[in-house]
N, C-alpha and C. Protein backbone atom coordinates (compact mmCIF):
# COMPACT_ATOMS: atom_id res chain seq x y z
N MET A 1 0.84 -1.18 0.00
CA MET A 1 0.00 0.00 0.00
C MET A 1 0.88 1.24 0.00
N LEU A 2 0.51 2.22 -0.81
CA LEU A 2 1.25 3.47 -0.87
C LEU A 2 0.86 4.38 0.28
N SER A 3 1.86 5.05 0.82
CA SER A 3 1.58 6.05 1.84
C SER A 3 1.34 7.39 1.15
N ILE A 4 0.81 8.36 1.87
CA ILE A 4 0.61 9.68 1.30
C ILE A 4 1.95 10.28 0.88
N GLN A 5 3.01 9.97 1.62
CA GLN A 5 4.33 10.48 1.25
C GLN A 5 4.79 9.88 -0.07
N ASP A 6 4.49 8.61 -0.32
CA ASP A 6 4.82 7.99 -1.60
C ASP A 6 4.13 8.72 -2.75
N VAL A 7 2.87 9.04 -2.54
CA VAL A 7 2.09 9.74 -3.56
C VAL A 7 2.68 11.12 -3.80
N LEU A 8 3.02 11.83 -2.73
CA LEU A 8 3.59 13.17 -2.86
C LEU A 8 4.94 13.13 -3.55
N ASP A 9 5.74 12.12 -3.25
CA ASP A 9 7.06 12.00 -3.87
C ASP A 9 6.95 11.75 -5.37
N TYR A 10 5.90 11.11 -5.80
CA TYR A 10 5.69 10.82 -7.22
C TYR A 10 5.28 12.07 -7.99
N CYS A 11 4.59 12.97 -7.35
CA CYS A 11 3.98 14.11 -8.00
C CYS A 11 4.98 15.24 -8.24
N ASP A 12 4.80 15.98 -9.33
CA ASP A 12 5.64 17.13 -9.64
C ASP A 12 5.19 18.40 -8.93
N LEU A 13 4.17 18.32 -8.13
CA LEU A 13 3.72 19.45 -7.32
C LEU A 13 4.17 19.23 -5.88
N ASP A 14 4.31 20.33 -5.14
CA ASP A 14 4.68 20.14 -3.74
C ASP A 14 3.41 19.99 -2.88
N ARG A 15 3.61 19.68 -1.63
CA ARG A 15 2.47 19.38 -0.75
C ARG A 15 1.49 20.54 -0.68
N GLY A 16 2.00 21.76 -0.57
CA GLY A 16 1.11 22.93 -0.48
C GLY A 16 0.24 23.08 -1.72
N GLU A 17 0.82 22.85 -2.87
CA GLU A 17 0.06 22.95 -4.12
C GLU A 17 -1.00 21.86 -4.19
N ILE A 18 -0.65 20.67 -3.78
CA ILE A 18 -1.62 19.57 -3.77
C ILE A 18 -2.73 19.84 -2.77
N GLU A 19 -2.36 20.35 -1.60
CA GLU A 19 -3.38 20.69 -0.60
C GLU A 19 -4.32 21.77 -1.12
N ALA A 20 -3.79 22.73 -1.88
CA ALA A 20 -4.62 23.79 -2.45
C ALA A 20 -5.61 23.22 -3.47
N ILE A 21 -5.16 22.26 -4.27
CA ILE A 21 -6.07 21.61 -5.23
C ILE A 21 -7.15 20.85 -4.46
N ALA A 22 -6.75 20.12 -3.43
CA ALA A 22 -7.73 19.37 -2.62
C ALA A 22 -8.75 20.30 -1.99
N GLU A 23 -8.27 21.42 -1.48
CA GLU A 23 -9.16 22.42 -0.86
C GLU A 23 -10.13 22.97 -1.91
N HIS A 24 -9.62 23.31 -3.06
CA HIS A 24 -10.45 23.92 -4.10
C HIS A 24 -11.51 22.94 -4.61
N GLU A 25 -11.12 21.71 -4.82
CA GLU A 25 -12.01 20.71 -5.40
C GLU A 25 -12.78 19.90 -4.37
N HIS A 26 -12.47 20.10 -3.08
CA HIS A 26 -13.12 19.34 -2.00
C HIS A 26 -12.94 17.83 -2.19
N ILE A 27 -11.68 17.46 -2.41
CA ILE A 27 -11.34 16.05 -2.64
C ILE A 27 -10.18 15.66 -1.73
N PRO A 28 -9.98 14.36 -1.50
CA PRO A 28 -8.86 13.90 -0.68
C PRO A 28 -7.52 14.24 -1.33
N LEU A 29 -6.50 14.32 -0.49
CA LEU A 29 -5.16 14.68 -0.93
C LEU A 29 -4.62 13.75 -2.01
N THR A 30 -4.85 12.46 -1.86
CA THR A 30 -4.32 11.52 -2.86
C THR A 30 -4.97 11.73 -4.23
N ILE A 31 -6.25 12.01 -4.25
CA ILE A 31 -6.95 12.28 -5.51
C ILE A 31 -6.46 13.61 -6.09
N ALA A 32 -6.24 14.60 -5.22
CA ALA A 32 -5.73 15.90 -5.68
C ALA A 32 -4.34 15.76 -6.29
N ALA A 33 -3.51 14.90 -5.72
CA ALA A 33 -2.17 14.68 -6.28
C ALA A 33 -2.28 14.09 -7.68
N GLU A 34 -3.14 13.12 -7.84
CA GLU A 34 -3.34 12.51 -9.15
C GLU A 34 -3.90 13.52 -10.14
N MET A 35 -4.87 14.30 -9.70
CA MET A 35 -5.48 15.31 -10.56
C MET A 35 -4.44 16.36 -10.96
N GLY A 36 -3.66 16.83 -9.99
CA GLY A 36 -2.64 17.83 -10.27
C GLY A 36 -1.61 17.33 -11.25
N GLU A 37 -1.17 16.11 -11.06
CA GLU A 37 -0.18 15.53 -11.97
C GLU A 37 -0.75 15.46 -13.39
N SER A 38 -1.99 15.09 -13.51
CA SER A 38 -2.63 15.03 -14.82
C SER A 38 -2.76 16.42 -15.44
N LEU A 39 -3.14 17.40 -14.64
CA LEU A 39 -3.29 18.77 -15.15
C LEU A 39 -1.98 19.35 -15.66
N LEU A 40 -0.88 18.97 -15.05
CA LEU A 40 0.42 19.49 -15.49
C LEU A 40 0.80 19.03 -16.88
N GLY A 41 0.09 18.06 -17.41
CA GLY A 41 0.41 17.50 -18.71
C GLY A 41 -0.02 18.34 -19.90
N THR A 42 -0.83 19.37 -19.67
CA THR A 42 -1.27 20.23 -20.78
C THR A 42 -1.15 21.69 -20.37
N PRO A 43 -0.97 22.59 -21.33
CA PRO A 43 -0.94 24.02 -21.00
C PRO A 43 -2.23 24.48 -20.33
N GLU A 44 -3.36 23.97 -20.79
CA GLU A 44 -4.64 24.34 -20.19
C GLU A 44 -4.73 23.87 -18.74
N GLY A 45 -4.18 22.69 -18.49
CA GLY A 45 -4.18 22.15 -17.13
C GLY A 45 -3.31 22.98 -16.20
N VAL A 46 -2.15 23.41 -16.69
CA VAL A 46 -1.28 24.27 -15.88
C VAL A 46 -2.03 25.56 -15.54
N CYS A 47 -2.73 26.12 -16.52
CA CYS A 47 -3.52 27.32 -16.26
C CYS A 47 -4.59 27.05 -15.21
N ARG A 48 -5.18 25.88 -15.25
CA ARG A 48 -6.24 25.52 -14.29
C ARG A 48 -5.69 25.43 -12.87
N VAL A 49 -4.50 24.87 -12.71
CA VAL A 49 -3.89 24.80 -11.37
C VAL A 49 -3.64 26.21 -10.86
N HIS A 50 -3.12 27.08 -11.71
CA HIS A 50 -2.90 28.48 -11.32
C HIS A 50 -4.23 29.10 -10.88
N ALA A 51 -5.27 28.89 -11.67
CA ALA A 51 -6.57 29.48 -11.36
C ALA A 51 -7.12 28.97 -10.03
N MET A 52 -6.94 27.68 -9.76
CA MET A 52 -7.44 27.12 -8.50
C MET A 52 -6.81 27.82 -7.29
N ILE A 53 -5.51 28.02 -7.35
CA ILE A 53 -4.82 28.63 -6.21
C ILE A 53 -5.23 30.09 -6.08
N ILE A 54 -5.36 30.79 -7.20
CA ILE A 54 -5.81 32.19 -7.15
C ILE A 54 -7.23 32.26 -6.58
N GLU A 55 -8.10 31.35 -6.99
CA GLU A 55 -9.47 31.32 -6.46
C GLU A 55 -9.46 31.03 -4.96
N ASN A 56 -8.58 30.14 -4.52
CA ASN A 56 -8.45 29.87 -3.08
C ASN A 56 -8.02 31.14 -2.34
N MET A 57 -7.07 31.88 -2.91
CA MET A 57 -6.62 33.13 -2.29
C MET A 57 -7.77 34.11 -2.17
N GLN A 58 -8.54 34.25 -3.25
CA GLN A 58 -9.68 35.18 -3.23
C GLN A 58 -10.70 34.77 -2.17
N HIS A 59 -10.97 33.47 -2.09
CA HIS A 59 -11.91 32.99 -1.08
C HIS A 59 -11.40 33.28 0.33
N ALA A 60 -10.11 33.06 0.55
CA ALA A 60 -9.53 33.32 1.87
C ALA A 60 -9.65 34.81 2.22
N LEU A 61 -9.38 35.68 1.25
CA LEU A 61 -9.52 37.12 1.50
C LEU A 61 -10.97 37.49 1.76
N ASP A 62 -11.88 36.93 0.97
CA ASP A 62 -13.31 37.24 1.13
C ASP A 62 -13.86 36.81 2.48
N THR A 63 -13.27 35.78 3.06
CA THR A 63 -13.76 35.26 4.34
C THR A 63 -12.89 35.70 5.52
N GLY A 64 -11.98 36.64 5.27
CA GLY A 64 -11.16 37.19 6.35
C GLY A 64 -10.07 36.26 6.85
N GLN A 65 -9.71 35.25 6.09
CA GLN A 65 -8.65 34.32 6.48
C GLN A 65 -7.32 34.83 5.91
N TYR A 66 -6.84 35.92 6.48
CA TYR A 66 -5.67 36.59 5.92
C TYR A 66 -4.39 35.76 6.06
N GLY A 67 -4.28 35.01 7.12
CA GLY A 67 -3.14 34.13 7.28
C GLY A 67 -3.12 33.06 6.20
N ARG A 68 -4.27 32.49 5.92
CA ARG A 68 -4.36 31.47 4.86
C ARG A 68 -4.06 32.10 3.50
N ALA A 69 -4.55 33.30 3.27
CA ALA A 69 -4.27 33.98 2.01
C ALA A 69 -2.77 34.18 1.84
N GLN A 70 -2.09 34.54 2.91
CA GLN A 70 -0.64 34.73 2.84
C GLN A 70 0.08 33.41 2.55
N GLU A 71 -0.38 32.32 3.17
CA GLU A 71 0.19 31.00 2.87
C GLU A 71 0.03 30.67 1.39
N LEU A 72 -1.15 30.96 0.86
CA LEU A 72 -1.43 30.67 -0.54
C LEU A 72 -0.58 31.52 -1.48
N VAL A 73 -0.23 32.73 -1.06
CA VAL A 73 0.67 33.56 -1.86
C VAL A 73 2.02 32.84 -2.01
N GLY A 74 2.54 32.30 -0.93
CA GLY A 74 3.80 31.56 -0.99
C GLY A 74 3.68 30.32 -1.86
N ILE A 75 2.57 29.62 -1.75
CA ILE A 75 2.33 28.43 -2.57
C ILE A 75 2.27 28.82 -4.04
N TYR A 76 1.59 29.94 -4.33
CA TYR A 76 1.47 30.38 -5.71
C TYR A 76 2.81 30.82 -6.28
N GLU A 77 3.61 31.49 -5.48
CA GLU A 77 4.94 31.90 -5.94
C GLU A 77 5.79 30.69 -6.31
N HIS A 78 5.70 29.63 -5.51
CA HIS A 78 6.42 28.40 -5.82
C HIS A 78 5.90 27.79 -7.13
N LEU A 79 4.59 27.76 -7.29
CA LEU A 79 4.00 27.23 -8.51
C LEU A 79 4.48 28.02 -9.73
N GLN A 80 4.53 29.33 -9.61
CA GLN A 80 4.98 30.17 -10.73
C GLN A 80 6.42 29.85 -11.11
N ARG A 81 7.26 29.59 -10.13
CA ARG A 81 8.66 29.26 -10.42
C ARG A 81 8.80 27.89 -11.07
N CYS A 82 8.09 26.92 -10.56
CA CYS A 82 8.25 25.53 -11.03
C CYS A 82 7.38 25.19 -12.24
N HIS A 83 6.23 25.81 -12.34
CA HIS A 83 5.28 25.52 -13.42
C HIS A 83 4.66 26.83 -13.89
N PRO A 84 5.46 27.66 -14.58
CA PRO A 84 4.94 28.97 -15.00
C PRO A 84 3.80 28.83 -16.00
N LEU A 85 3.01 29.88 -16.07
CA LEU A 85 1.94 29.90 -17.05
C LEU A 85 2.54 29.79 -18.44
N PRO A 86 1.93 29.00 -19.31
CA PRO A 86 2.47 28.85 -20.67
C PRO A 86 2.32 30.15 -21.44
N LYS A 87 3.26 30.37 -22.33
CA LYS A 87 3.19 31.54 -23.21
C LYS A 87 2.12 31.31 -24.25
N PRO A 88 1.37 32.37 -24.59
CA PRO A 88 0.34 32.20 -25.63
C PRO A 88 0.98 31.84 -26.98
N ARG A 89 0.28 31.03 -27.71
CA ARG A 89 0.76 30.64 -29.04
C ARG A 89 0.57 31.80 -30.01
N ALA A 90 1.52 31.96 -30.93
CA ALA A 90 1.39 32.97 -31.97
C ALA A 90 0.36 32.49 -32.99
N SER A 91 -0.46 33.40 -33.44
CA SER A 91 -1.50 33.03 -34.41
C SER A 91 -1.01 33.10 -35.81
């Protein structure tokens, strides 16, 4: 049986990013890790992960969870470094 650490070690996202996906989608961490890994496979998916974390930040701000919003800023900065938004294709 795989442990949660095994799942996290397999994924190209860090724990904070996976937790943010789980929070956004209201799903268990292991499912969020699988979902995140799949999303990283396409430019649209990378954009979706970015959007999820931004939406989590907005929700935290809207509900007065300023500490959580600050945590999400750090998580988003890491995501931007490791998985930047794809450049638009030239038409």
